[in-house]
Amino acid sequence: MLAYHSRTKHHLHRFAASAGYLDWATQPDPFRTYAGAEKIDLPLAADKLRTTYRDLYIPDGTPSFLLDLNSIGLLFELSLGLSAWKQYQETRWALRCNPSSGNLHPTEGYAILPPMAGLETAGVFHYACREHQLERRAVLNRSLLSESSILIGLTSIHWREAWKYGERAFRYCQHDMGHAIAAVRYACAALGWTATLLANVSDPAISDLLGLSHPESFQRVANPDREHPGALLLVGPRPTLEIDIAVLRDSLKAGDWRGQANALSSAHLDWPAIDDVAKAAWLEEGNPVGRITAESAPPLLARAESHTRAASIIKQRRSAVALDEVTSISAETFYTMLDRLLPRPGVPPWDAWPWPPRIHCAIFVHRVEGLFPGLYVFERSEAVHEQLRKALNPSFVFERPHGCREQLRLFRLVDGDCRQKAQVVSCHHKIAGAGAFSLGMLAEFEDSIRTMGGWWYRRLFWESGLLGQALYLEAEAAGVRGTGIGCYFDDAFHSVLGLEGSQFQSLYHFTIGGPVEDTRLLTLPGYSHLTR
């Protein structure tokens, strides 16, 4: 696993040599559907949801919605649903609430639901986001499920990224899995629900639960179009793990699965490294999931009173294509954004994540009022301090910025204009130096994988995706815009920090600033194509 990452970590190392694979004619269908499966229309009601964005961060601050088809529709609309259509001349494409690298969307969503108002029979359902429908894949005995809990399953289709990005696709799929986990948790918070990632369910078990291991469902699908198991979340107004996963799995393995998955692409290229790393990062039966502990955390920093609705922030989230090189943010806004990256009980998205933080942030501050421009580090756990300080350049000053809240472990390393450095390490993307700040997410890398196993490689990327989704929403709430940067030069970034070896590893970059809108594009509502 470490050898794989070392070989492929330079995100452009094969791009020029393999440019021939960038054939737009092979771009997969972005919408998976199951022909022959029963279709159940979901209500569209997010625009009527009164929960404010501020309410999301107040534990027990939102009254719980009843578990019914209306709330299931809201959950999917605000997590994996379409947020808008963009159109340029005759070309039209959909955006979604869950971010995706290049808008390619490798993540699919499923739900295992008990009977409820509007749904008479329990079952396993695929979420078809274009039509905002549930597609019934299997019927279940209601006695196998809890009446107050549901299971949300997430899967990845590597080819949706690989046709464009080659070997890098595997990591981009894992980023997007993290985005989707966080998106589900935020949507649950808007309903007054909780969500928890089930850490000890193996990949074979998830495959059986969601029908991925049922060969007859994928007879029309080439192997690269197949789905790979990802995350399983326990969700609901009063979720308790009354569900016996083993019994449920046995029932579904012998069950009657319905529907034929659609082929996504007529042509494929073989990327053996993706299959190799997927196998190496597979969570087998009985693998230990590691020590799961909850760290104590200080109270949330106060935010200025706002009545902006949560659904508005979630649905307006976009990836900035360009930043204006002018807009600044206040130190208080900056500190609040960082504060939302700390885990706290009952506060999304981190209460859904069952492990202590292993991702930290090295930050290029460009235009934050009250802070010197320069390089900073933000530790999301006190436990990493000595290890990180020893690993970084010994000349760094490690000083707390004047006025920074005590609960934020933010340290100034060196002063200076870092715009050019930020741009260079992010594959020369101008956007990295054009905003208020940009950052690289540093993982506690080698020790995590050697201690936990190869399957933890995916979890590190998932955690970085959770950070990305939190930053996306915080940017929108602050009136600016963010974008994840999946292309970066690891060695160049590590050189800036003085890092050597694989103890810490850069996994994802991000930038926030004032967006430059493309006025050539027409924007339409996400479900303007539906008549209901």
Protein backbone atom coordinates (compact mmCIF):
# COMPACT_ATOMS: atom_id res chain seq x y z
CA MET A 1 0.00 0.00 0.00
CA LEU A 2 2.78 2.44 0.91
CA ALA A 3 4.65 1.42 -2.25
CA TYR A 4 1.56 2.07 -4.35
CA HIS A 5 1.11 5.54 -2.92
CA SER A 6 4.77 6.39 -3.34
CA ARG A 7 4.68 5.31 -6.98
CA THR A 8 1.56 7.27 -7.88
CA LYS A 9 1.68 10.25 -5.53
CA HIS A 10 2.91 12.69 -8.17
CA HIS A 11 -0.52 13.44 -9.52
CA LEU A 12 0.67 14.44 -13.01
CA HIS A 13 3.45 11.92 -13.42
CA ARG A 14 1.65 9.99 -16.19
CA PHE A 15 -0.70 12.65 -17.46
CA ALA A 16 1.24 13.80 -20.51
CA ALA A 17 2.39 10.31 -21.46
CA SER A 18 -1.11 8.88 -21.19
CA ALA A 19 -3.04 11.83 -22.62
CA GLY A 20 -4.43 9.52 -25.27
CA TYR A 21 -6.81 7.96 -22.76
CA LEU A 22 -8.60 11.30 -22.31
CA ASP A 23 -11.25 10.37 -24.86
CA TRP A 24 -14.46 12.24 -24.14
CA ALA A 25 -16.41 9.70 -26.16
CA THR A 26 -15.76 7.18 -23.37
CA GLN A 27 -17.18 9.44 -20.63
CA PRO A 28 -19.56 7.22 -18.62
CA ASP A 29 -23.23 7.87 -18.05
CA PRO A 30 -23.33 9.84 -14.76
CA PHE A 31 -26.61 8.22 -13.71
CA ARG A 32 -26.91 4.60 -12.60
CA THR A 33 -30.38 3.08 -12.89
CA TYR A 34 -31.82 -0.42 -12.53
CA ALA A 35 -34.13 -1.38 -15.39
CA GLY A 36 -37.11 -3.44 -14.28
CA ALA A 37 -36.94 -2.33 -10.64
CA GLU A 38 -40.03 -0.81 -9.04
CA LYS A 39 -39.77 3.00 -9.09
CA ILE A 40 -41.01 5.07 -6.15
CA ASP A 41 -41.16 8.84 -6.58
CA LEU A 42 -39.77 10.83 -3.67
CA PRO A 43 -41.23 14.19 -2.64
CA LEU A 44 -39.21 17.35 -3.35
CA ALA A 45 -39.52 19.52 -0.26
CA ALA A 46 -36.09 20.96 0.59
CA ASP A 47 -37.12 24.49 -0.37
CA LYS A 48 -39.75 24.40 2.38
CA LEU A 49 -37.38 23.17 5.09
CA ARG A 50 -37.09 25.82 7.82
CA THR A 51 -33.95 24.52 9.56
CA THR A 52 -31.25 27.22 9.49
CA TYR A 53 -27.60 26.59 8.77
CA ARG A 54 -26.77 27.73 12.30
CA ASP A 55 -29.17 25.09 13.68
CA LEU A 56 -27.04 22.30 12.20
CA TYR A 57 -24.32 22.96 14.77
CA ILE A 58 -26.60 23.06 17.82
CA PRO A 59 -26.91 19.56 19.33
CA ASP A 60 -30.60 18.66 19.65
CA GLY A 61 -31.44 22.10 18.25
CA THR A 62 -33.73 20.81 15.48
CA PRO A 63 -36.94 18.87 16.22
CA SER A 64 -36.75 15.39 14.71
CA PHE A 65 -38.74 14.67 11.57
CA LEU A 66 -40.84 11.54 11.50
CA LEU A 67 -39.39 8.60 9.60
CA ASP A 68 -41.55 8.59 6.46
CA LEU A 69 -41.20 8.87 2.71
CA ASN A 70 -41.20 12.67 2.91
CA SER A 71 -38.18 12.72 5.25
CA ILE A 72 -36.39 10.09 3.15
CA GLY A 73 -36.93 12.35 0.14
CA LEU A 74 -35.44 15.30 2.05
CA LEU A 75 -32.47 13.22 3.19
CA PHE A 76 -31.54 12.22 -0.36
CA GLU A 77 -32.40 15.59 -1.91
CA LEU A 78 -29.97 17.36 0.46
CA SER A 79 -27.18 14.77 0.32
CA LEU A 80 -26.94 13.04 -3.07
CA GLY A 81 -29.60 14.94 -5.03
CA LEU A 82 -29.21 17.38 -7.92
CA SER A 83 -28.61 20.97 -6.81
CA ALA A 84 -28.70 22.66 -10.23
CA TRP A 85 -28.27 22.26 -13.97
CA LYS A 86 -25.65 24.30 -15.81
CA GLN A 87 -25.93 24.98 -19.51
CA TYR A 88 -23.59 26.48 -22.09
CA GLN A 89 -25.08 26.74 -25.56
CA GLU A 90 -26.35 23.20 -26.29
CA THR A 91 -24.33 21.46 -23.57
CA ARG A 92 -26.06 20.76 -20.25
CA TRP A 93 -24.84 19.04 -17.10
CA ALA A 94 -26.09 18.47 -13.56
CA LEU A 95 -24.50 19.55 -10.28
CA ARG A 96 -25.14 17.69 -7.04
CA CYS A 97 -25.16 18.47 -3.34
CA ASN A 98 -22.24 16.11 -2.75
CA PRO A 99 -19.04 17.48 -4.32
CA SER A 100 -17.13 15.46 -6.89
CA SER A 101 -13.78 15.84 -8.60
CA GLY A 102 -14.49 17.17 -12.07
CA ASN A 103 -18.25 16.69 -11.50
CA LEU A 104 -17.82 13.01 -12.41
CA HIS A 105 -19.72 11.59 -9.41
CA PRO A 106 -18.47 8.06 -8.80
CA THR A 107 -20.57 7.66 -5.61
CA GLU A 108 -23.93 5.84 -5.59
CA GLY A 109 -26.44 5.80 -2.74
CA TYR A 110 -28.64 3.04 -1.30
CA ALA A 111 -31.10 2.76 1.57
CA ILE A 112 -32.33 -0.20 3.60
CA LEU A 113 -35.75 0.91 4.83
CA PRO A 114 -38.46 -0.47 7.13
CA PRO A 115 -42.15 0.04 6.28
CA MET A 116 -43.24 3.63 6.88
CA ALA A 117 -45.85 6.15 5.85
CA GLY A 118 -45.83 6.10 2.04
CA LEU A 119 -43.86 2.84 1.87
CA GLU A 120 -45.75 -0.32 2.72
CA THR A 121 -42.99 -2.91 2.29
CA ALA A 122 -39.47 -2.98 3.73
CA GLY A 123 -36.60 -3.39 1.31
CA VAL A 124 -33.26 -2.41 -0.19
CA PHE A 125 -33.44 0.58 -2.53
CA HIS A 126 -31.08 2.33 -4.92
CA TYR A 127 -31.37 6.12 -5.09
CA ALA A 128 -31.77 7.33 -8.69
CA CYS A 129 -30.78 10.99 -8.32
CA ARG A 130 -31.81 12.25 -11.78
CA GLU A 131 -35.44 11.26 -11.26
CA HIS A 132 -35.30 11.59 -7.45
CA GLN A 133 -36.65 8.08 -7.09
CA LEU A 134 -36.08 4.97 -5.04
CA GLU A 135 -35.56 1.82 -7.09
CA ARG A 136 -36.50 -1.31 -5.16
CA ARG A 137 -33.75 -3.89 -5.40
CA ALA A 138 -35.00 -6.40 -2.83
CA VAL A 139 -37.95 -7.04 -0.50
CA LEU A 140 -37.29 -7.58 3.21
CA ASN A 141 -39.11 -9.04 6.16
CA ARG A 142 -39.94 -6.07 8.36
CA SER A 143 -38.95 -8.00 11.49
CA LEU A 144 -35.29 -7.74 10.40
CA LEU A 145 -35.28 -3.93 10.66
CA SER A 146 -35.73 -1.32 13.36
CA GLU A 147 -38.71 1.03 13.07
CA SER A 148 -36.62 4.04 14.13
CA SER A 149 -33.44 3.44 12.11
CA ILE A 150 -32.43 3.07 8.50
CA LEU A 151 -29.18 2.12 6.80
CA ILE A 152 -27.62 4.29 4.10
CA GLY A 153 -25.06 2.60 1.86
CA LEU A 154 -22.52 4.33 -0.37
CA THR A 155 -20.57 2.71 -3.23
CA SER A 156 -17.97 3.81 -5.78
CA ILE A 157 -17.73 3.30 -9.54
CA HIS A 158 -14.02 3.76 -10.27
CA TRP A 159 -14.46 4.02 -14.03
CA ARG A 160 -16.38 7.29 -13.70
CA GLU A 161 -13.05 8.83 -12.62
CA ALA A 162 -10.59 6.51 -14.37
CA TRP A 163 -11.68 7.35 -17.93
CA LYS A 164 -10.28 10.85 -17.31
CA TYR A 165 -7.72 10.53 -14.50
CA GLY A 166 -6.28 7.04 -14.87
CA GLU A 167 -4.60 5.64 -11.76
CA ARG A 168 -5.41 8.73 -9.72
CA ALA A 169 -9.10 7.78 -9.98
CA PHE A 170 -8.98 5.49 -6.95
CA ARG A 171 -7.99 8.30 -4.61
CA TYR A 172 -10.47 10.73 -6.14
CA CYS A 173 -13.24 8.18 -5.54
CA GLN A 174 -12.20 8.03 -1.88
CA HIS A 175 -12.25 11.84 -1.58
CA ASP A 176 -15.77 11.78 -2.94
CA MET A 177 -16.79 9.02 -0.54
CA GLY A 178 -15.77 11.33 2.30
CA HIS A 179 -17.73 14.20 0.71
CA ALA A 180 -20.80 11.97 0.50
CA ILE A 181 -20.52 10.73 4.11
CA ALA A 182 -20.43 14.33 5.29
CA ALA A 183 -23.27 15.31 2.96
CA VAL A 184 -25.47 12.56 4.44
CA ARG A 185 -24.61 13.70 7.97
CA TYR A 186 -25.44 17.36 7.23
CA ALA A 187 -28.74 16.34 5.62
CA CYS A 188 -29.58 14.29 8.70
CA ALA A 189 -28.81 17.28 10.94
CA ALA A 190 -31.28 19.37 8.93
CA LEU A 191 -33.93 16.76 9.83
CA GLY A 192 -32.97 16.59 13.50
CA TRP A 193 -31.52 13.11 12.91
CA THR A 194 -28.15 11.59 13.68
CA ALA A 195 -25.90 9.44 11.52
CA THR A 196 -23.03 7.13 12.43
CA LEU A 197 -20.57 5.39 10.16
CA LEU A 198 -20.56 1.69 11.05
CA ALA A 199 -16.87 0.97 11.42
CA ASN A 200 -16.95 -2.80 11.85
CA VAL A 201 -18.94 -3.89 8.77
CA SER A 202 -16.68 -5.56 6.20
CA ASP A 203 -16.62 -4.85 2.48
CA PRO A 204 -18.01 -8.32 1.64
CA ALA A 205 -20.89 -7.68 4.05
CA ILE A 206 -21.69 -4.31 2.45
CA SER A 207 -21.58 -5.96 -0.98
CA ASP A 208 -24.13 -8.55 0.13
CA LEU A 209 -26.36 -6.00 1.86
CA LEU A 210 -26.55 -3.71 -1.19
CA GLY A 211 -26.73 -6.42 -3.87
CA LEU A 212 -23.29 -5.73 -5.36
CA SER A 213 -22.40 -9.41 -5.09
CA HIS A 214 -25.54 -10.46 -6.99
CA PRO A 215 -24.16 -11.28 -10.48
CA GLU A 216 -27.52 -11.37 -12.29
CA SER A 217 -28.06 -7.68 -11.53
CA PHE A 218 -24.95 -6.71 -13.48
CA GLN A 219 -25.14 -8.92 -16.57
CA ARG A 220 -25.26 -5.89 -18.88
CA VAL A 221 -22.37 -4.17 -17.14
CA ALA A 222 -18.67 -4.44 -18.02
CA ASN A 223 -16.35 -5.00 -15.06
CA PRO A 224 -15.05 -1.38 -14.90
CA ASP A 225 -18.67 -0.19 -14.53
CA ARG A 226 -19.21 -2.32 -11.44
CA GLU A 227 -19.68 -0.77 -8.02
CA HIS A 228 -17.30 -1.22 -5.11
CA PRO A 229 -18.52 -1.21 -1.49
CA GLY A 230 -17.85 1.92 0.52
CA ALA A 231 -19.56 3.18 3.65
CA LEU A 232 -22.58 2.01 5.65
CA LEU A 233 -24.26 4.54 7.95
CA LEU A 234 -26.87 4.07 10.65
CA VAL A 235 -29.33 6.95 10.31
CA GLY A 236 -32.58 8.09 11.86
CA PRO A 237 -34.41 10.16 14.48
CA ARG A 238 -33.59 7.65 17.23
CA PRO A 239 -31.11 5.30 15.61
CA THR A 240 -30.16 2.27 17.63
CA LEU A 241 -28.36 -0.72 16.25
CA GLU A 242 -31.26 -3.08 16.84
CA ILE A 243 -30.57 -4.45 13.37
CA ASP A 244 -28.63 -7.71 13.35
CA ILE A 245 -26.33 -7.09 10.37
CA ALA A 246 -25.33 -10.76 10.11
CA VAL A 247 -28.96 -11.99 10.01
CA LEU A 248 -29.91 -9.24 7.57
CA ARG A 249 -26.98 -10.17 5.35
CA ASP A 250 -27.90 -13.86 5.31
CA SER A 251 -31.47 -13.02 4.38
CA LEU A 252 -30.39 -10.82 1.48
CA LYS A 253 -27.80 -13.26 0.14
CA ALA A 254 -30.62 -15.73 -0.39
CA GLY A 255 -33.12 -13.06 -1.41
CA ASP A 256 -34.80 -12.11 -4.65
CA TRP A 257 -32.93 -9.19 -6.23
CA ARG A 258 -34.67 -7.08 -8.86
CA GLY A 259 -33.47 -4.83 -11.66
CA GLN A 260 -30.65 -4.78 -14.20
CA ALA A 261 -27.93 -2.15 -13.82
CA ASN A 262 -27.35 0.02 -16.89
CA ALA A 263 -24.07 -0.01 -18.80
CA LEU A 264 -22.26 3.27 -18.22
CA SER A 265 -19.73 3.29 -21.05
CA SER A 266 -19.28 1.57 -24.39
CA ALA A 267 -15.47 1.55 -24.19
CA HIS A 268 -13.02 1.04 -21.36
CA LEU A 269 -9.29 1.18 -20.75
CA ASP A 270 -7.59 -1.13 -18.30
CA TRP A 271 -5.91 0.43 -15.26
CA PRO A 272 -4.53 -2.59 -13.33
CA ALA A 273 -3.17 -0.41 -10.51
CA ILE A 274 -6.72 0.55 -9.54
CA ASP A 275 -7.73 -3.08 -9.13
CA ASP A 276 -4.51 -3.80 -7.23
CA VAL A 277 -4.97 -1.00 -4.71
CA ALA A 278 -8.70 -1.73 -4.36
CA LYS A 279 -7.76 -5.29 -3.38
CA ALA A 280 -5.01 -4.11 -1.01
CA ALA A 281 -7.39 -1.63 0.67
CA TRP A 282 -10.26 -4.14 1.02
CA LEU A 283 -11.70 -4.52 4.54
CA GLU A 284 -11.99 -8.28 5.03
CA GLU A 285 -14.16 -10.16 7.48
CA GLY A 286 -12.88 -9.97 11.03
CA ASN A 287 -10.28 -7.24 10.41
CA PRO A 288 -9.81 -5.17 13.58
CA VAL A 289 -11.12 -1.66 13.10
CA GLY A 290 -8.79 -0.11 15.64
CA ARG A 291 -9.32 1.79 18.85
CA ILE A 292 -12.36 4.04 18.58
CA THR A 293 -12.17 6.92 21.04
CA ALA A 294 -13.92 10.24 21.42
CA GLU A 295 -11.68 13.19 22.24
CA SER A 296 -12.93 15.99 24.43
CA ALA A 297 -13.55 19.21 22.54
CA PRO A 298 -14.21 22.80 23.55
CA PRO A 299 -17.56 24.51 22.88
CA LEU A 300 -18.21 25.81 19.37
CA LEU A 301 -17.12 29.33 18.63
CA ALA A 302 -20.12 31.65 18.52
CA ARG A 303 -21.32 32.59 15.06
CA ALA A 304 -23.13 35.80 14.16
CA GLU A 305 -26.88 35.28 14.16
CA SER A 306 -28.05 34.12 10.76
CA HIS A 307 -31.41 32.97 9.47
CA THR A 308 -30.05 31.53 6.24
CA ARG A 309 -31.69 28.19 5.69
CA ALA A 310 -29.58 25.07 5.74
CA ALA A 311 -31.08 23.84 2.47
CA SER A 312 -30.03 27.08 0.74
CA ILE A 313 -26.40 26.72 1.84
CA ILE A 314 -26.30 23.02 0.93
CA LYS A 315 -27.88 23.48 -2.51
CA GLN A 316 -25.89 26.59 -3.46
CA ARG A 317 -22.56 24.87 -2.76
CA ARG A 318 -20.34 25.07 -5.82
CA SER A 319 -16.69 24.48 -6.63
CA ALA A 320 -15.13 27.80 -7.56
CA VAL A 321 -13.52 27.73 -10.99
CA ALA A 322 -11.63 31.00 -10.47
CA LEU A 323 -11.03 33.40 -7.56
CA ASP A 324 -10.77 37.18 -7.82
CA GLU A 325 -7.37 37.77 -6.11
CA VAL A 326 -8.96 40.57 -4.08
CA THR A 327 -11.48 39.27 -1.56
CA SER A 328 -10.33 38.92 2.03
CA ILE A 329 -12.04 37.43 5.07
CA SER A 330 -11.86 38.47 8.71
CA ALA A 331 -9.82 36.60 11.28
CA GLU A 332 -13.06 35.73 13.11
CA THR A 333 -14.49 34.15 9.96
CA PHE A 334 -11.25 32.24 9.44
CA TYR A 335 -11.21 30.99 13.03
CA THR A 336 -14.85 29.92 12.80
CA MET A 337 -14.11 27.89 9.66
CA LEU A 338 -11.26 26.11 11.41
CA ASP A 339 -13.39 25.56 14.49
CA ARG A 340 -15.95 23.64 12.40
CA LEU A 341 -13.20 21.12 11.58
CA LEU A 342 -12.89 19.97 15.20
CA PRO A 343 -14.80 16.86 16.32
CA ARG A 344 -17.54 17.35 18.92
CA PRO A 345 -20.36 15.11 20.18
CA GLY A 346 -23.65 15.83 18.45
CA VAL A 347 -22.11 18.20 15.89
CA PRO A 348 -21.89 17.29 12.19
CA PRO A 349 -20.11 15.95 10.35
CA TRP A 350 -17.59 14.69 12.91
CA ASP A 351 -20.02 12.94 15.24
CA ALA A 352 -20.58 10.49 12.39
CA TRP A 353 -16.86 9.65 12.25
CA PRO A 354 -15.90 6.96 14.78
CA TRP A 355 -12.14 7.58 14.96
CA PRO A 356 -9.93 10.32 16.41
CA PRO A 357 -8.61 12.94 13.95
CA ARG A 358 -5.68 11.85 11.79
CA ILE A 359 -5.81 14.71 9.28
CA HIS A 360 -4.33 18.15 9.99
CA CYS A 361 -3.94 21.29 7.88
CA ALA A 362 -0.92 23.22 6.61
CA ILE A 363 -2.32 26.61 5.60
CA PHE A 364 -1.09 29.34 3.26
CA VAL A 365 -2.71 32.54 4.56
CA HIS A 366 -3.00 35.15 1.81
CA ARG A 367 -5.76 37.64 2.73
CA VAL A 368 -7.06 37.16 6.26
CA GLU A 369 -7.57 40.48 8.06
CA GLY A 370 -5.66 40.50 11.32
CA LEU A 371 -3.23 37.70 10.38
CA PHE A 372 0.19 38.05 8.82
CA PRO A 373 0.42 36.38 5.39
CA GLY A 374 2.48 33.25 5.67
CA LEU A 375 2.52 29.56 6.41
CA TYR A 376 0.55 28.15 9.35
CA VAL A 377 -0.33 24.71 10.71
CA PHE A 378 -3.65 23.73 12.30
CA GLU A 379 -3.61 20.68 14.55
CA ARG A 380 -6.96 18.94 14.91
CA SER A 381 -5.65 16.94 17.87
CA GLU A 382 -3.33 17.92 20.68
CA ALA A 383 -1.80 14.44 20.59
CA VAL A 384 -0.04 15.11 17.27
CA HIS A 385 1.82 18.25 18.37
CA GLU A 386 5.24 16.91 19.33
CA GLN A 387 5.33 14.43 16.47
CA LEU A 388 4.38 17.09 13.93
CA ARG A 389 6.76 19.69 15.32
CA LYS A 390 9.68 17.27 15.09
CA ALA A 391 8.76 16.35 11.51
CA LEU A 392 8.50 19.93 10.21
CA ASN A 393 11.33 22.34 9.37
CA PRO A 394 13.17 23.07 12.66
CA SER A 395 13.45 26.75 11.75
CA PHE A 396 9.65 27.23 11.97
CA VAL A 397 8.69 29.48 14.89
CA PHE A 398 5.47 27.67 15.96
CA GLU A 399 3.87 30.79 17.47
CA ARG A 400 0.20 31.26 18.30
CA PRO A 401 -1.31 34.16 16.29
CA HIS A 402 -2.31 37.17 18.36
CA GLY A 403 -6.03 37.04 19.14
CA CYS A 404 -6.47 33.39 18.16
CA ARG A 405 -8.90 31.52 20.40
CA GLU A 406 -7.19 29.18 22.84
CA GLN A 407 -9.23 26.19 21.64
CA LEU A 408 -7.77 26.44 18.14
CA ARG A 409 -4.37 24.79 17.83
CA LEU A 410 -3.24 27.17 15.08
CA PHE A 411 0.47 27.98 14.82
CA ARG A 412 2.26 30.49 12.63
CA LEU A 413 5.33 28.85 11.11
CA VAL A 414 6.84 31.56 8.92
CA ASP A 415 5.75 34.97 7.59
CA GLY A 416 5.76 35.94 3.95
CA ASP A 417 3.87 36.08 0.68
CA CYS A 418 3.12 32.44 -0.07
CA ARG A 419 0.84 32.92 -3.08
CA GLN A 420 3.38 31.67 -5.59
CA LYS A 421 4.33 28.68 -3.45
CA ALA A 422 0.67 27.76 -2.96
CA GLN A 423 0.12 27.93 -6.69
CA VAL A 424 3.18 25.84 -7.54
CA VAL A 425 2.43 23.00 -5.10
CA SER A 426 -1.16 22.79 -6.41
CA CYS A 427 -0.04 21.90 -9.94
CA HIS A 428 0.42 25.58 -10.81
CA HIS A 429 -3.32 26.21 -10.44
CA LYS A 430 -3.68 29.96 -10.06
CA ILE A 431 -6.71 29.48 -7.85
CA ALA A 432 -4.54 28.23 -4.96
CA GLY A 433 -2.85 31.63 -4.64
CA ALA A 434 -5.82 33.80 -5.60
CA GLY A 435 -8.02 33.34 -2.55
CA ALA A 436 -8.04 34.35 1.09
CA PHE A 437 -6.20 31.15 2.01
CA SER A 438 -5.42 27.68 0.73
CA LEU A 439 -4.39 24.57 2.58
CA GLY A 440 -3.02 21.07 2.24
CA MET A 441 -4.41 18.25 4.39
CA LEU A 442 -1.66 16.30 6.13
CA ALA A 443 -2.41 12.74 7.18
CA GLU A 444 -0.76 10.75 9.93
CA PHE A 445 0.04 8.36 7.14
CA GLU A 446 2.57 5.59 7.58
CA ASP A 447 1.81 4.75 11.22
CA SER A 448 -1.93 4.65 10.48
CA ILE A 449 -1.57 2.15 7.64
CA ARG A 450 1.03 -0.02 9.37
CA THR A 451 -1.05 -0.10 12.58
CA MET A 452 -4.55 -0.40 11.13
CA GLY A 453 -3.91 -2.18 7.82
CA GLY A 454 -4.18 -1.37 4.14
CA TRP A 455 -7.93 -0.73 4.38
CA TRP A 456 -7.14 2.40 6.39
CA TYR A 457 -5.71 3.98 3.23
CA ARG A 458 -9.26 4.61 2.06
CA ARG A 459 -10.35 5.98 5.46
CA LEU A 460 -7.63 8.64 5.43
CA PHE A 461 -9.00 9.93 2.14
CA TRP A 462 -12.55 9.71 3.48
CA GLU A 463 -11.57 11.87 6.46
CA SER A 464 -10.00 14.43 4.12
CA GLY A 465 -13.27 14.44 2.13
CA LEU A 466 -15.22 15.19 5.31
CA LEU A 467 -12.96 18.19 5.90
CA GLY A 468 -13.54 19.27 2.32
CA GLN A 469 -17.33 19.18 2.63
CA ALA A 470 -17.22 21.12 5.92
CA LEU A 471 -15.05 23.80 4.26
CA TYR A 472 -17.34 23.96 1.22
CA LEU A 473 -20.36 24.75 3.38
CA GLU A 474 -18.48 27.14 5.66
CA ALA A 475 -17.29 29.09 2.62
CA GLU A 476 -20.86 29.47 1.36
CA ALA A 477 -22.07 30.53 4.81
CA ALA A 478 -19.36 33.22 4.88
CA GLY A 479 -20.32 34.60 1.48
CA VAL A 480 -17.24 33.31 -0.32
CA ARG A 481 -16.58 30.05 -2.17
CA GLY A 482 -14.26 27.07 -1.92
CA THR A 483 -12.92 24.37 -4.15
CA GLY A 484 -11.11 21.12 -3.54
CA ILE A 485 -7.85 20.67 -5.43
CA GLY A 486 -7.08 17.03 -6.16
CA CYS A 487 -4.02 17.79 -8.28
CA TYR A 488 -0.90 18.74 -6.33
CA PHE A 489 2.82 18.00 -6.16
CA ASP A 490 3.46 16.06 -2.97
CA ASP A 491 7.22 16.40 -2.91
CA ALA A 492 7.13 20.14 -3.60
CA PHE A 493 4.61 20.67 -0.79
CA HIS A 494 6.57 18.45 1.58
CA SER A 495 9.73 20.41 0.75
CA VAL A 496 8.01 23.67 1.73
CA LEU A 497 7.17 22.07 5.09
CA GLY A 498 10.49 20.31 5.58
CA LEU A 499 8.83 16.89 5.64
CA GLU A 500 10.74 13.72 4.77
CA GLY A 501 9.59 10.13 4.44
CA SER A 502 5.99 8.92 4.76
CA GLN A 503 5.26 9.77 8.38
CA PHE A 504 2.99 12.59 7.19
CA GLN A 505 1.49 12.69 3.73
CA SER A 506 -0.43 15.35 1.81
CA LEU A 507 -3.77 13.89 0.65
CA TYR A 508 -6.00 16.77 -0.50
CA HIS A 509 -5.74 20.52 -1.06
CA PHE A 510 -8.39 23.21 -0.73
CA THR A 511 -8.77 26.94 -1.32
CA ILE A 512 -11.32 29.60 -0.33
CA GLY A 513 -11.88 33.11 -1.68
CA GLY A 514 -14.09 35.44 -3.69
CA PRO A 515 -15.45 33.60 -6.76
CA VAL A 516 -15.35 34.84 -10.34
CA GLU A 517 -18.64 33.77 -11.89
CA ASP A 518 -18.82 32.60 -15.48
CA THR A 519 -21.64 34.72 -16.86
CA ARG A 520 -21.82 32.64 -20.04
CA LEU A 521 -23.51 29.81 -18.14
CA LEU A 522 -27.21 29.42 -17.61
CA THR A 523 -28.25 27.99 -14.23
CA LEU A 524 -31.49 26.03 -13.80
CA PRO A 525 -33.00 24.41 -10.68
CA GLY A 526 -31.87 20.86 -10.00
CA TYR A 527 -35.26 19.27 -10.62
CA SER A 528 -36.65 21.67 -13.19
CA HIS A 529 -36.89 18.72 -15.60
CA LEU A 530 -39.45 16.91 -13.42
CA THR A 531 -43.17 17.61 -13.70
CA ARG A 532 -44.06 16.58 -10.16
